[in-house]
Structures are given as C-alpha cells and as structure tokens.
Amino acid sequence: MELRKINTTDAKAQWEYTTELPANENGLTNPYHGVSFEEYEQKVLPTLISYEHPVNMPDWFVPETYYYLWDAGGLVGEFRIRHYLTETLRSGAGHIGYSIRKDARGKGYGTEGLKLTIAIAKTIIPEEEIYLRVNKNNIASQKVMLNNGAYQSGEDEDHFFFRIPKSANILEMELQRG
C-alpha cells in the first residue's frame, strides 16, 4: 500500500476516481464530479497540483496537497492535507479530508491511508495537533480517526471534531490497546 502525491503520470486513474466521487459525500466536496477526461487533464489536474504552492489565490485560500492511496496497482482512496488552519478551518473541516472508493470500504484502507497521511501531515502543518471533522452519522470514519490516535475535542449539531496530537505514536497506542 502506498500514498502517491497527485501527478500527471497517474492522471487516468485519478480522473476515474475523481469523476466517480459524488459532488458531496459525508462532508467531502468534489466540484469535479463527472468532468470529461480532457477537461480533467487540461484544467482540473493542473489546478489541483497548483494548490500545493498557490499563486494569486484569495486571502482565505490555504495551500492543500492531494494524495492518492494505491493498493495492488489500483487507486482506492484520496487524502487531502491543508497545510495550516484559518479560523474557519479550525472550527470546520480541519487539516485532512479523505474518501475511500465505495467498493473498497470496510477493508482497512481508511485507517491505513489516514496513518500514511498523518505521517506526511506531521512534517507540513505547524499546529501541534492535526484537526479533523466528521459527520455524526459517519461511524466508519469516526473509527478510522480513533484507530489513528484521535480524541474527540468537541461537536456541533452535525459534526464531531477530532484532534490527533503530532506527538502521538500510533504503534505505542496499538500496543496499549492489545
């Protein structure tokens, strides 16, 4: 299993994943649902790649890097890291957003993908904790976060807010759980 940064070499697989991902599912938005491969390759892909080092973006925009989870040669998930938080992100979506392909859910990909993403996020984000948000009805994603050392730090009407300390050692936590 590996996490690959968005790239032009994997454009076809990334496009297939992106175009099949609903426009909004469990709080993860995807404005590129259903775009043609030509549009993805010429407009969407360069735009998403540019988000890592944005130029001429609105003041509210935060650098964001897209990663894709691969297993056995197939793309099974997408993970996005926002490099730092604004007040809106601090009380909203947080640092990491992710999704797993529907037919790959329930097989541990979310947990492993988030684990790999957290390792990268720890080297990027300046905050001492990684912020995550999850819909209250998304029990599977809550378990993924808890499996990666998260603790619940709050809630609003529709969401739970989780935090993962950057100092958290996942292996140590797994040993403590038995």
C-alpha atoms as a PDB file:
ATOM      1  CA  MET A   1       0.000   0.000   0.000  1.00  0.00           C
ATOM      2  CA  GLU A   2       1.335   3.450  -0.865  1.00  0.00           C
ATOM      3  CA  LEU A   3       0.324   7.077  -0.863  1.00  0.00           C
ATOM      4  CA  ARG A   4       1.221   8.998  -4.028  1.00  0.00           C
ATOM      5  CA  LYS A   5       1.084  12.745  -4.448  1.00  0.00           C
ATOM      6  CA  ILE A   6      -1.196  13.907  -7.272  1.00  0.00           C
ATOM      7  CA  ASN A   7       0.709  13.739 -10.565  1.00  0.00           C
ATOM      8  CA  THR A   8       0.345  13.692 -14.337  1.00  0.00           C
ATOM      9  CA  THR A   9       1.553  10.082 -14.714  1.00  0.00           C
ATOM     10  CA  ASP A  10      -1.476   8.696 -12.855  1.00  0.00           C
ATOM     11  CA  ALA A  11      -3.909  11.138 -14.494  1.00  0.00           C
ATOM     12  CA  LYS A  12      -6.264   8.490 -15.904  1.00  0.00           C
ATOM     13  CA  ALA A  13      -6.741   6.662 -12.575  1.00  0.00           C
ATOM     14  CA  GLN A  14      -7.028   9.939 -10.656  1.00  0.00           C
ATOM     15  CA  TRP A  15      -9.640  11.179 -13.133  1.00  0.00           C
ATOM     16  CA  GLU A  16     -11.644   7.943 -12.856  1.00  0.00           C
ATOM     17  CA  TYR A  17     -11.638   8.259  -9.072  1.00  0.00           C
ATOM     18  CA  THR A  18     -12.492  11.969  -9.098  1.00  0.00           C
ATOM     19  CA  THR A  19     -15.262  11.753 -11.672  1.00  0.00           C
ATOM     20  CA  GLU A  20     -16.947   8.877  -9.797  1.00  0.00           C
ATOM     21  CA  LEU A  21     -16.706  10.585  -6.386  1.00  0.00           C
ATOM     22  CA  PRO A  22     -20.047  12.266  -5.589  1.00  0.00           C
ATOM     23  CA  ALA A  23     -20.213  16.067  -5.555  1.00  0.00           C
ATOM     24  CA  ASN A  24     -20.707  15.929  -1.785  1.00  0.00           C
ATOM     25  CA  GLU A  25     -20.442  12.808   0.318  1.00  0.00           C
ATOM     26  CA  ASN A  26     -20.059  12.780   4.090  1.00  0.00           C
ATOM     27  CA  GLY A  27     -18.887  16.385   4.033  1.00  0.00           C
ATOM     28  CA  LEU A  28     -16.158  15.927   1.396  1.00  0.00           C
ATOM     29  CA  THR A  29     -16.933  18.178  -1.560  1.00  0.00           C
ATOM     30  CA  ASN A  30     -15.922  17.377  -5.117  1.00  0.00           C
ATOM     31  CA  PRO A  31     -16.740  20.055  -7.705  1.00  0.00           C
ATOM     32  CA  TYR A  32     -15.205  17.864 -10.435  1.00  0.00           C
ATOM     33  CA  HIS A  33     -17.729  15.012 -10.331  1.00  0.00           C
ATOM     34  CA  GLY A  34     -18.482  13.889 -13.870  1.00  0.00           C
ATOM     35  CA  VAL A  35     -15.921  16.041 -15.737  1.00  0.00           C
ATOM     36  CA  SER A  36     -14.549  14.693 -19.001  1.00  0.00           C
ATOM     37  CA  PHE A  37     -11.025  13.279 -19.108  1.00  0.00           C
ATOM     38  CA  GLU A  38      -9.988  16.086 -21.449  1.00  0.00           C
ATOM     39  CA  GLU A  39     -11.206  18.749 -19.009  1.00  0.00           C
ATOM     40  CA  TYR A  40      -9.592  16.924 -16.086  1.00  0.00           C
ATOM     41  CA  GLU A  41      -6.254  16.611 -17.854  1.00  0.00           C
ATOM     42  CA  GLN A  42      -6.180  20.175 -19.217  1.00  0.00           C
ATOM     43  CA  LYS A  43      -7.816  22.179 -16.399  1.00  0.00           C
ATOM     44  CA  VAL A  44      -8.597  20.243 -13.221  1.00  0.00           C
ATOM     45  CA  LEU A  45      -5.310  18.357 -12.773  1.00  0.00           C
ATOM     46  CA  PRO A  46      -3.068  21.439 -13.203  1.00  0.00           C
ATOM     47  CA  THR A  47      -5.335  23.359 -10.815  1.00  0.00           C
ATOM     48  CA  LEU A  48      -5.235  20.657  -8.119  1.00  0.00           C
ATOM     49  CA  ILE A  49      -1.455  20.326  -8.447  1.00  0.00           C
ATOM     50  CA  SER A  50      -1.094  24.119  -8.137  1.00  0.00           C
ATOM     51  CA  TYR A  51      -2.939  24.120  -4.794  1.00  0.00           C
ATOM     52  CA  GLU A  52       0.242  22.899  -3.070  1.00  0.00           C
ATOM     53  CA  HIS A  53       2.052  26.146  -3.951  1.00  0.00           C
ATOM     54  CA  PRO A  54      -0.790  28.534  -4.813  1.00  0.00           C
ATOM     55  CA  VAL A  55      -0.286  31.787  -6.695  1.00  0.00           C
ATOM     56  CA  ASN A  56      -2.836  34.616  -6.918  1.00  0.00           C
ATOM     57  CA  MET A  57      -5.403  32.889  -4.709  1.00  0.00           C
ATOM     58  CA  PRO A  58      -7.999  34.594  -2.482  1.00  0.00           C
ATOM     59  CA  ASP A  59      -6.907  35.522   1.059  1.00  0.00           C
ATOM     60  CA  TRP A  60      -8.971  32.710   2.570  1.00  0.00           C
ATOM     61  CA  PHE A  61      -7.253  30.008   0.476  1.00  0.00           C
ATOM     62  CA  VAL A  62      -4.919  27.603   2.277  1.00  0.00           C
ATOM     63  CA  PRO A  63      -2.303  25.500   0.444  1.00  0.00           C
ATOM     64  CA  GLU A  64      -3.568  21.953   0.025  1.00  0.00           C
ATOM     65  CA  THR A  65      -1.876  18.816  -1.298  1.00  0.00           C
ATOM     66  CA  TYR A  66      -3.756  15.871  -2.778  1.00  0.00           C
ATOM     67  CA  TYR A  67      -2.577  12.295  -2.266  1.00  0.00           C
ATOM     68  CA  TYR A  68      -3.989   9.038  -3.590  1.00  0.00           C
ATOM     69  CA  LEU A  69      -3.889   5.681  -1.841  1.00  0.00           C
ATOM     70  CA  TRP A  70      -2.867   2.766  -4.033  1.00  0.00           C
ATOM     71  CA  ASP A  71      -3.006  -0.949  -3.319  1.00  0.00           C
ATOM     72  CA  ALA A  72      -2.172  -3.803  -5.676  1.00  0.00           C
ATOM     73  CA  GLY A  73      -1.899  -1.392  -8.603  1.00  0.00           C
ATOM     74  CA  GLY A  74      -5.320   0.193  -8.065  1.00  0.00           C
ATOM     75  CA  LEU A  75      -6.324   3.574  -6.682  1.00  0.00           C
ATOM     76  CA  VAL A  76      -8.540   3.098  -3.618  1.00  0.00           C
ATOM     77  CA  GLY A  77      -8.691   6.484  -1.883  1.00  0.00           C
ATOM     78  CA  GLU A  78      -7.980  10.200  -1.846  1.00  0.00           C
ATOM     79  CA  PHE A  79      -6.471  12.192   1.023  1.00  0.00           C
ATOM     80  CA  ARG A  80      -6.116  15.986   1.132  1.00  0.00           C
ATOM     81  CA  ILE A  81      -3.829  17.846   3.522  1.00  0.00           C
ATOM     82  CA  ARG A  82      -4.465  21.521   4.223  1.00  0.00           C
ATOM     83  CA  HIS A  83      -1.088  22.958   5.221  1.00  0.00           C
ATOM     84  CA  TYR A  84      -2.337  25.210   8.033  1.00  0.00           C
ATOM     85  CA  LEU A  85      -5.606  26.411   9.501  1.00  0.00           C
ATOM     86  CA  THR A  86      -7.637  29.562   9.197  1.00  0.00           C
ATOM     87  CA  GLU A  87     -10.270  30.270  11.860  1.00  0.00           C
ATOM     88  CA  THR A  88     -12.879  28.795   9.516  1.00  0.00           C
ATOM     89  CA  LEU A  89     -10.894  25.563   9.088  1.00  0.00           C
ATOM     90  CA  ARG A  90     -10.057  25.430  12.808  1.00  0.00           C
ATOM     91  CA  SER A  91     -13.772  25.248  13.609  1.00  0.00           C
ATOM     92  CA  GLY A  92     -14.610  23.441  10.374  1.00  0.00           C
ATOM     93  CA  ALA A  93     -13.040  20.907   8.035  1.00  0.00           C
ATOM     94  CA  GLY A  94      -9.597  20.895   9.650  1.00  0.00           C
ATOM     95  CA  HIS A  95      -6.329  19.683   8.140  1.00  0.00           C
ATOM     96  CA  ILE A  96      -7.293  16.432   6.419  1.00  0.00           C
ATOM     97  CA  GLY A  97     -10.172  15.369   4.211  1.00  0.00           C
ATOM     98  CA  TYR A  98     -10.428  11.914   2.694  1.00  0.00           C
ATOM     99  CA  SER A  99     -12.561   9.392   0.901  1.00  0.00           C
ATOM    100  CA  ILE A 100     -12.330   5.704   0.040  1.00  0.00           C
ATOM    101  CA  ARG A 101     -13.754   4.185  -3.126  1.00  0.00           C
ATOM    102  CA  LYS A 102     -17.155   2.651  -2.308  1.00  0.00           C
ATOM    103  CA  ASP A 103     -16.205  -0.893  -3.291  1.00  0.00           C
ATOM    104  CA  ALA A 104     -13.033  -0.678  -1.134  1.00  0.00           C
ATOM    105  CA  ARG A 105     -14.713   0.456   2.078  1.00  0.00           C
ATOM    106  CA  GLY A 106     -14.674  -1.703   5.199  1.00  0.00           C
ATOM    107  CA  LYS A 107     -11.310  -3.242   4.284  1.00  0.00           C
ATOM    108  CA  GLY A 108      -8.992  -1.087   6.397  1.00  0.00           C
ATOM    109  CA  TYR A 109      -7.983   1.351   3.651  1.00  0.00           C
ATOM    110  CA  GLY A 110      -9.269   4.382   5.537  1.00  0.00           C
ATOM    111  CA  THR A 111      -7.260   3.528   8.639  1.00  0.00           C
ATOM    112  CA  GLU A 112      -4.051   2.765   6.733  1.00  0.00           C
ATOM    113  CA  GLY A 113      -4.456   5.707   4.364  1.00  0.00           C
ATOM    114  CA  LEU A 114      -5.027   8.128   7.224  1.00  0.00           C
ATOM    115  CA  LYS A 115      -1.999   6.689   9.039  1.00  0.00           C
ATOM    116  CA  LEU A 116       0.196   7.384   5.987  1.00  0.00           C
ATOM    117  CA  THR A 117      -1.353  10.835   5.549  1.00  0.00           C
ATOM    118  CA  ILE A 118      -0.775  11.752   9.189  1.00  0.00           C
ATOM    119  CA  ALA A 119       2.922  10.903   8.844  1.00  0.00           C
ATOM    120  CA  ILE A 120       3.162  13.405   5.967  1.00  0.00           C
ATOM    121  CA  ALA A 121       0.942  15.988   7.683  1.00  0.00           C
ATOM    122  CA  LYS A 122       3.205  15.982  10.742  1.00  0.00           C
ATOM    123  CA  THR A 123       6.029  17.304   8.532  1.00  0.00           C
ATOM    124  CA  ILE A 124       3.859  20.008   6.904  1.00  0.00           C
ATOM    125  CA  ILE A 125       1.462  21.533   9.396  1.00  0.00           C
ATOM    126  CA  PRO A 126       2.677  23.986  12.043  1.00  0.00           C
ATOM    127  CA  GLU A 127      -0.056  23.299  14.616  1.00  0.00           C
ATOM    128  CA  GLU A 128       0.673  20.875  17.474  1.00  0.00           C
ATOM    129  CA  GLU A 129      -2.429  18.837  16.668  1.00  0.00           C
ATOM    130  CA  ILE A 130      -3.993  17.604  13.445  1.00  0.00           C
ATOM    131  CA  TYR A 131      -7.617  18.776  13.223  1.00  0.00           C
ATOM    132  CA  LEU A 132     -10.310  16.551  11.722  1.00  0.00           C
ATOM    133  CA  ARG A 133     -14.077  16.838  11.383  1.00  0.00           C
ATOM    134  CA  VAL A 134     -16.547  14.038  10.754  1.00  0.00           C
ATOM    135  CA  ASN A 135     -20.300  13.844  10.289  1.00  0.00           C
ATOM    136  CA  LYS A 136     -22.010  12.402  13.358  1.00  0.00           C
ATOM    137  CA  ASN A 137     -23.645   9.695  11.248  1.00  0.00           C
ATOM    138  CA  ASN A 138     -20.321   8.566   9.695  1.00  0.00           C
ATOM    139  CA  ILE A 139     -19.424   5.891  12.232  1.00  0.00           C
ATOM    140  CA  ALA A 140     -16.861   4.225   9.945  1.00  0.00           C
ATOM    141  CA  SER A 141     -14.826   7.420   9.579  1.00  0.00           C
ATOM    142  CA  GLN A 142     -15.016   8.066  13.322  1.00  0.00           C
ATOM    143  CA  LYS A 143     -13.458   4.634  13.878  1.00  0.00           C
ATOM    144  CA  VAL A 144     -10.746   5.402  11.313  1.00  0.00           C
ATOM    145  CA  MET A 145      -9.819   8.548  13.225  1.00  0.00           C
ATOM    146  CA  LEU A 146      -9.886   6.811  16.617  1.00  0.00           C
ATOM    147  CA  ASN A 147      -7.726   3.994  15.216  1.00  0.00           C
ATOM    148  CA  ASN A 148      -5.174   6.669  14.346  1.00  0.00           C
ATOM    149  CA  GLY A 149      -4.920   8.159  17.836  1.00  0.00           C
ATOM    150  CA  ALA A 150      -7.645  10.802  17.629  1.00  0.00           C
ATOM    151  CA  TYR A 151      -9.626  12.073  20.553  1.00  0.00           C
ATOM    152  CA  GLN A 152     -12.948  13.905  20.383  1.00  0.00           C
ATOM    153  CA  SER A 153     -12.442  17.592  21.178  1.00  0.00           C
ATOM    154  CA  GLY A 154     -15.933  18.927  20.541  1.00  0.00           C
ATOM    155  CA  GLU A 155     -19.059  18.809  18.436  1.00  0.00           C
ATOM    156  CA  ASP A 156     -21.688  20.906  16.764  1.00  0.00           C
ATOM    157  CA  GLU A 157     -25.152  19.944  15.593  1.00  0.00           C
ATOM    158  CA  ASP A 158     -23.932  17.775  12.694  1.00  0.00           C
ATOM    159  CA  HIS A 159     -20.246  17.017  13.371  1.00  0.00           C
ATOM    160  CA  PHE A 160     -17.728  15.675  15.822  1.00  0.00           C
ATOM    161  CA  PHE A 161     -14.349  17.374  15.969  1.00  0.00           C
ATOM    162  CA  PHE A 162     -11.320  15.169  16.488  1.00  0.00           C
ATOM    163  CA  ARG A 163      -7.686  16.014  17.172  1.00  0.00           C
ATOM    164  CA  ILE A 164      -4.560  13.933  16.790  1.00  0.00           C
ATOM    165  CA  PRO A 165      -1.510  15.181  18.671  1.00  0.00           C
ATOM    166  CA  LYS A 166       1.513  15.378  16.380  1.00  0.00           C
ATOM    167  CA  SER A 167       3.474  13.672  19.141  1.00  0.00           C
ATOM    168  CA  ALA A 168       1.143  10.641  19.102  1.00  0.00           C
ATOM    169  CA  ASN A 169       2.916   7.378  18.432  1.00  0.00           C
ATOM    170  CA  ILE A 170       0.389   5.093  16.710  1.00  0.00           C
ATOM    171  CA  LEU A 171       2.444   1.930  17.278  1.00  0.00           C
ATOM    172  CA  GLU A 172       2.662   2.643  21.005  1.00  0.00           C
ATOM    173  CA  MET A 173      -1.109   3.224  21.133  1.00  0.00           C
ATOM    174  CA  GLU A 174      -1.783  -0.045  19.299  1.00  0.00           C
ATOM    175  CA  LEU A 175       0.359  -1.933  21.822  1.00  0.00           C
ATOM    176  CA  GLN A 176      -1.521  -0.346  24.719  1.00  0.00           C
ATOM    177  CA  ARG A 177      -4.868  -1.433  23.239  1.00  0.00           C
ATOM    178  CA  GLY A 178      -3.606  -5.002  22.984  1.00  0.00           C
END
